[in-house]
Protein backbone atom coordinates (compact mmCIF):
# COMPACT_ATOMS: atom_id res chain seq x y z
CA UNK A 1 50.91 87.96 91.35
CA UNK A 2 52.50 88.71 88.43
CA UNK A 3 52.85 85.92 86.19
CA UNK A 4 55.43 83.35 86.72
CA UNK A 5 56.55 84.81 90.27
CA UNK A 6 55.92 81.57 92.53
CA UNK A 7 58.86 80.25 90.46
CA UNK A 8 61.33 83.15 91.54
CA UNK A 9 63.37 82.88 94.41
CA UNK A 10 63.52 84.14 97.91
CA UNK A 11 66.29 86.83 98.56
CA UNK A 12 67.86 86.81 101.55
CA UNK A 13 71.34 89.11 102.87
CA UNK A 14 73.00 90.30 105.85
CA UNK A 15 76.26 91.37 106.65
CA UNK A 16 77.99 88.17 106.60
CA UNK A 17 77.49 84.48 107.71
CA UNK A 18 74.84 85.43 110.82
CA UNK A 19 71.65 85.88 108.10
CA UNK A 20 72.38 81.69 107.45
CA UNK A 21 70.40 81.34 110.76
CA UNK A 22 67.63 82.72 109.08
CA UNK A 23 68.02 81.11 105.54
CA UNK A 24 68.08 77.76 108.11
CA UNK A 25 64.53 78.14 109.42
CA UNK A 26 63.11 79.55 105.81
CA UNK A 27 63.75 75.99 104.78
CA UNK A 28 62.32 74.36 107.41
CA UNK A 29 58.64 76.29 107.06
CA UNK A 30 59.41 76.35 103.54
CA UNK A 31 61.12 73.30 102.41
CA UNK A 32 60.56 73.87 98.16
CA UNK A 33 61.16 77.65 98.05
CA UNK A 34 64.47 78.43 96.07
CA UNK A 35 66.84 80.86 98.06
CA UNK A 36 69.34 83.57 96.41
CA UNK A 37 71.57 84.62 99.62
CA UNK A 38 73.70 87.31 99.78
CA UNK A 39 76.58 87.54 102.57
CA UNK A 40 79.15 91.33 102.24
CA UNK A 41 81.55 89.21 104.23
CA UNK A 42 84.14 92.48 102.87
CA UNK A 43 82.61 94.97 104.57
CA UNK A 44 81.47 92.96 107.64
CA UNK A 45 80.68 93.56 110.10
CA UNK A 46 77.63 96.66 110.18
CA UNK A 47 76.86 96.46 113.73
CA UNK A 48 79.66 99.24 115.01
CA UNK A 49 79.30 101.62 111.81
CA UNK A 50 77.19 104.56 111.23
CA UNK A 51 73.26 104.62 110.31
CA UNK A 52 74.62 106.42 107.00
CA UNK A 53 77.07 103.44 105.60
CA UNK A 54 74.01 100.57 106.96
CA UNK A 55 71.42 102.19 105.09
CA UNK A 56 74.02 102.75 101.82
CA UNK A 57 75.03 98.71 102.18
CA UNK A 58 72.32 97.63 102.59
CA UNK A 59 70.50 99.26 98.88
CA UNK A 60 73.64 97.44 97.55
CA UNK A 61 72.84 95.17 99.04
CA UNK A 62 69.10 94.45 97.70
CA UNK A 63 70.58 95.54 94.08
CA UNK A 64 72.72 92.21 94.34
CA UNK A 65 69.11 89.96 94.82
CA UNK A 66 67.01 91.81 92.12
CA UNK A 67 69.77 91.02 89.67
CA UNK A 68 68.88 87.29 90.22
CA UNK A 69 65.39 87.86 90.17
CA UNK A 70 63.70 87.27 93.57
CA UNK A 71 60.46 87.63 94.25
CA UNK A 72 61.40 89.15 97.74
CA UNK A 73 64.02 90.42 100.11
CA UNK A 74 64.63 89.45 103.53
CA UNK A 75 67.08 91.45 105.19
CA UNK A 76 68.31 89.43 107.48
CA UNK A 77 70.20 91.45 109.65
CA UNK A 78 69.11 93.67 112.75
CA UNK A 79 71.13 96.62 111.92
CA UNK A 80 70.48 96.93 108.34
CA UNK A 81 66.58 96.25 109.68
CA UNK A 82 66.79 98.75 112.71
CA UNK A 83 68.60 102.09 110.10
CA UNK A 84 67.45 101.22 106.06
CA UNK A 85 64.13 98.77 106.14
CA UNK A 86 61.93 101.54 105.23
CA UNK A 87 64.03 103.46 102.86
CA UNK A 88 64.27 99.65 101.37
CA UNK A 89 60.09 99.76 100.98
CA UNK A 90 59.97 102.81 99.76
CA UNK A 91 63.03 102.79 97.11
CA UNK A 92 62.38 98.87 95.42
CA UNK A 93 59.16 97.52 94.62
CA UNK A 94 59.23 93.81 95.71
CA UNK A 95 58.01 93.06 99.25
CA UNK A 96 60.57 93.43 101.82
CA UNK A 97 61.14 91.76 105.49
CA UNK A 98 63.00 92.82 108.26
CA UNK A 99 63.91 90.48 111.05
CA UNK A 100 62.67 93.09 114.22
CA UNK A 101 58.81 93.26 113.87
CA UNK A 102 58.23 89.04 113.81
CA UNK A 103 60.34 89.11 116.82
CA UNK A 104 58.98 92.04 118.66
CA UNK A 105 55.23 90.36 118.01
CA UNK A 106 56.19 87.16 119.23
CA UNK A 107 57.95 88.52 122.82
CA UNK A 108 54.80 90.47 123.63
CA UNK A 109 52.71 87.31 122.83
CA UNK A 110 54.78 85.59 125.43
CA UNK A 111 55.48 88.22 127.98
CA UNK A 112 53.60 87.76 131.46
CA UNK A 113 55.58 90.54 133.54
CA UNK A 114 55.16 93.02 131.24
CA UNK A 115 59.05 93.10 131.00
CA UNK A 116 61.39 92.51 128.30
CA UNK A 117 64.80 92.38 127.41
CA UNK A 118 67.02 92.90 124.35
CA UNK A 119 70.28 92.12 123.43
CA UNK A 120 72.29 93.10 120.28
CA UNK A 121 74.88 94.96 118.21
CA UNK A 122 76.31 98.28 118.91
CA UNK A 123 74.32 100.16 116.08
CA UNK A 124 71.01 98.26 116.71
CA UNK A 125 71.06 99.00 120.46
CA UNK A 126 71.84 102.40 119.41
CA UNK A 127 69.04 102.81 116.80
CA UNK A 128 66.13 102.20 119.32
CA UNK A 129 64.57 99.91 116.84
CA UNK A 130 63.45 97.11 119.35
CA UNK A 131 62.33 99.31 121.83
CA UNK A 132 60.49 101.70 119.84
CA UNK A 133 58.42 98.84 117.85
CA UNK A 134 57.73 97.44 121.61
CA UNK A 135 56.30 100.84 122.89
CA UNK A 136 54.43 101.66 119.78
CA UNK A 137 52.51 97.66 119.76
CA UNK A 138 52.15 97.87 123.79
CA UNK A 139 53.23 101.28 125.53
CA UNK A 140 52.68 99.54 129.06
CA UNK A 141 55.88 97.09 127.97
CA UNK A 142 59.51 97.85 130.31
CA UNK A 143 61.77 97.45 128.07
CA UNK A 144 66.18 96.55 129.10
CA UNK A 145 68.30 97.20 125.84
CA UNK A 146 72.00 95.97 125.79
CA UNK A 147 75.21 95.75 123.82
CA UNK A 148 76.78 92.61 123.64
CA UNK A 149 79.34 93.07 120.70
CA UNK A 150 81.51 89.86 121.87
CA UNK A 151 78.45 87.99 120.88
CA UNK A 152 79.35 87.74 116.99
CA UNK A 153 82.96 86.56 117.55
CA UNK A 154 82.87 84.10 119.99
CA UNK A 155 79.54 82.77 117.69
CA UNK A 156 82.15 82.31 114.74
CA UNK A 157 84.85 80.79 116.27
CA UNK A 158 82.39 78.27 118.14
CA UNK A 159 82.89 79.38 121.56
CA UNK A 160 79.80 77.51 122.91
CA UNK A 161 81.11 75.58 125.92
CA UNK A 162 84.04 77.76 126.69
CA UNK A 163 84.16 79.57 130.41
CA UNK A 164 85.17 82.77 128.93
CA UNK A 165 81.82 83.47 126.59
CA UNK A 166 80.14 82.44 129.83
CA UNK A 167 81.86 84.94 132.31
CA UNK A 168 81.29 87.64 128.98
CA UNK A 169 77.50 86.71 129.33
CA UNK A 170 77.20 86.90 132.91
CA UNK A 171 78.73 90.67 132.80
CA UNK A 172 76.47 91.82 129.59
CA UNK A 173 73.28 90.07 130.73
CA UNK A 174 73.67 91.59 134.56
CA UNK A 175 71.41 94.33 133.68
CA UNK A 176 68.68 91.70 131.68
CA UNK A 177 68.70 89.87 134.79
CA UNK A 178 68.48 93.00 137.30
CA UNK A 179 65.50 94.37 135.45
CA UNK A 180 63.86 91.05 136.31
CA UNK A 181 62.42 90.27 132.42
CA UNK A 182 60.82 87.13 131.46
CA UNK A 183 61.58 87.78 127.68
CA UNK A 184 64.64 88.18 126.17
CA UNK A 185 65.20 88.89 122.31
CA UNK A 186 68.20 88.04 120.63
CA UNK A 187 68.41 90.75 118.57
CA UNK A 188 71.43 89.67 116.25
CA UNK A 189 71.31 86.70 113.71
CA UNK A 190 74.38 85.06 115.61
CA UNK A 191 72.99 85.45 118.57
CA UNK A 192 71.38 81.77 118.55
CA UNK A 193 74.04 79.71 118.09
CA UNK A 194 74.74 80.95 122.01
CA UNK A 195 71.10 79.90 123.26
CA UNK A 196 72.82 77.66 125.28
CA UNK A 197 74.88 79.53 127.78
CA UNK A 198 72.51 82.59 127.66
CA UNK A 199 69.76 80.07 129.36
CA UNK A 200 72.24 79.68 131.90
CA UNK A 201 73.48 83.26 132.36
CA UNK A 202 69.31 83.92 132.77
CA UNK A 203 67.57 81.06 133.80
CA UNK A 204 65.38 78.26 132.37
CA UNK A 205 62.11 80.51 133.50
CA UNK A 206 63.42 83.72 130.60
CA UNK A 207 61.68 82.86 127.33
CA UNK A 208 64.28 83.04 124.55
CA UNK A 209 62.97 84.78 121.47
CA UNK A 210 64.99 83.46 118.12
CA UNK A 211 63.38 85.95 116.03
CA UNK A 212 65.11 83.76 112.87
CA UNK A 213 62.06 81.59 113.15
CA UNK A 214 59.48 83.74 113.70
CA UNK A 215 60.73 85.91 110.33
CA UNK A 216 60.36 82.48 108.31
CA UNK A 217 56.57 82.30 109.24
CA UNK A 218 56.35 85.83 108.01
CA UNK A 219 58.29 84.95 105.30
CA UNK A 220 55.52 82.05 104.61
CA UNK A 221 52.87 84.66 105.62
CA UNK A 222 53.09 87.00 103.04
CA UNK A 223 53.82 84.83 100.43
CA UNK A 224 50.82 82.96 100.72
CA UNK A 225 48.85 86.62 100.93
CA UNK A 226 50.70 87.50 97.36
CA UNK A 227 50.35 83.94 96.08
CA UNK A 228 53.78 83.90 95.36
CA UNK A 229 54.05 80.31 96.54
CA UNK A 230 56.48 77.70 95.05
CA UNK A 231 54.54 75.03 94.08
CA UNK A 232 55.61 71.50 96.18
CA UNK A 233 56.63 68.04 95.44
CA UNK A 234 60.02 70.27 93.57
CA UNK A 235 63.54 70.56 94.62
CA UNK A 236 64.44 73.52 95.64
CA UNK A 237 67.68 75.83 94.81
CA UNK A 238 70.56 77.12 97.03
CA UNK A 239 72.97 79.97 95.61
CA UNK A 240 74.47 81.43 98.29
CA UNK A 241 77.24 84.44 97.45
CA UNK A 242 79.30 86.37 99.26
CA UNK A 243 81.70 89.73 98.56
CA UNK A 244 85.15 88.44 100.03
CA UNK A 245 86.58 85.44 101.34
CA UNK A 246 84.48 82.32 100.23
CA UNK A 247 86.82 79.42 101.78
CA UNK A 248 86.11 80.93 105.05
CA UNK A 249 82.42 81.40 104.34
CA UNK A 250 81.60 77.84 103.24
CA UNK A 251 84.49 76.69 106.13
CA UNK A 252 82.15 78.55 109.05
CA UNK A 253 78.35 78.26 107.34
CA UNK A 254 77.72 74.44 108.60
CA UNK A 255 78.21 75.84 111.90
CA UNK A 256 74.81 78.51 111.03
CA UNK A 257 72.88 76.65 108.34
CA UNK A 258 73.60 73.18 109.64
CA UNK A 259 74.39 71.36 106.81
CA UNK A 260 76.88 71.74 104.36
CA UNK A 261 77.52 74.22 101.86
CA UNK A 262 78.33 73.11 98.36
CA UNK A 263 79.38 75.84 96.29
CA UNK A 264 80.07 79.58 97.54
CA UNK A 265 80.55 82.18 94.84
CA UNK A 266 82.11 85.30 95.52
CA UNK A 267 80.73 88.42 93.47
CA UNK A 268 81.91 92.32 92.61
CA UNK A 269 79.37 94.99 94.88
């Protein structure tokens, strides 16, 4: 561990709001840690963009966080974790954690019939990152993957109880239900907000995997390993940075974070 590394913040970036579900879980698991969050709201959504664009944006986002001397970076975006994680690890010296592997490990531990469903953005599904990671760890598992692009705007609009959301979910999840998957990975950080409607559609017996929660434990495990945990019994400091529309971000943030954000700073990328 470098001198004073434990006092540095955890850096987290996402294309917009969704990564706040990861921050929420990190706050629970590591209540004394400082966190610097960057949401690239000027260029959201990433889920419909090319591999090249997502990789380029990811590197810029990491550079933003490194200006704040973070001790590690959490890539709280499934599209970025799918396409850019290995390049980020190669190009930057700080520890970097993505959202895919923690969720995959949990899903493999939970499935009983070796059938796992994955729902995510188009970019994440097209990357086949989840399928490849699952089959790398257990080739015997059957994976059914489905892109659900409308879930992101529905989550941001707060349409959790609307009939329209239920009907869209029924259509999207048809293949997952047909596959008899007993475990479903929520492969986008927006999707945990739709847990109730997803449960209604797939049924109570299907185990939903919230990657955000698994990422938080992975972060704790890594910081413990490198002896960089912050000393307890202190008040943490949280900074929220975005690239556009701070008022809109602040307005919607409570839905994802479960608490009010006092201030949001707009910065140039």
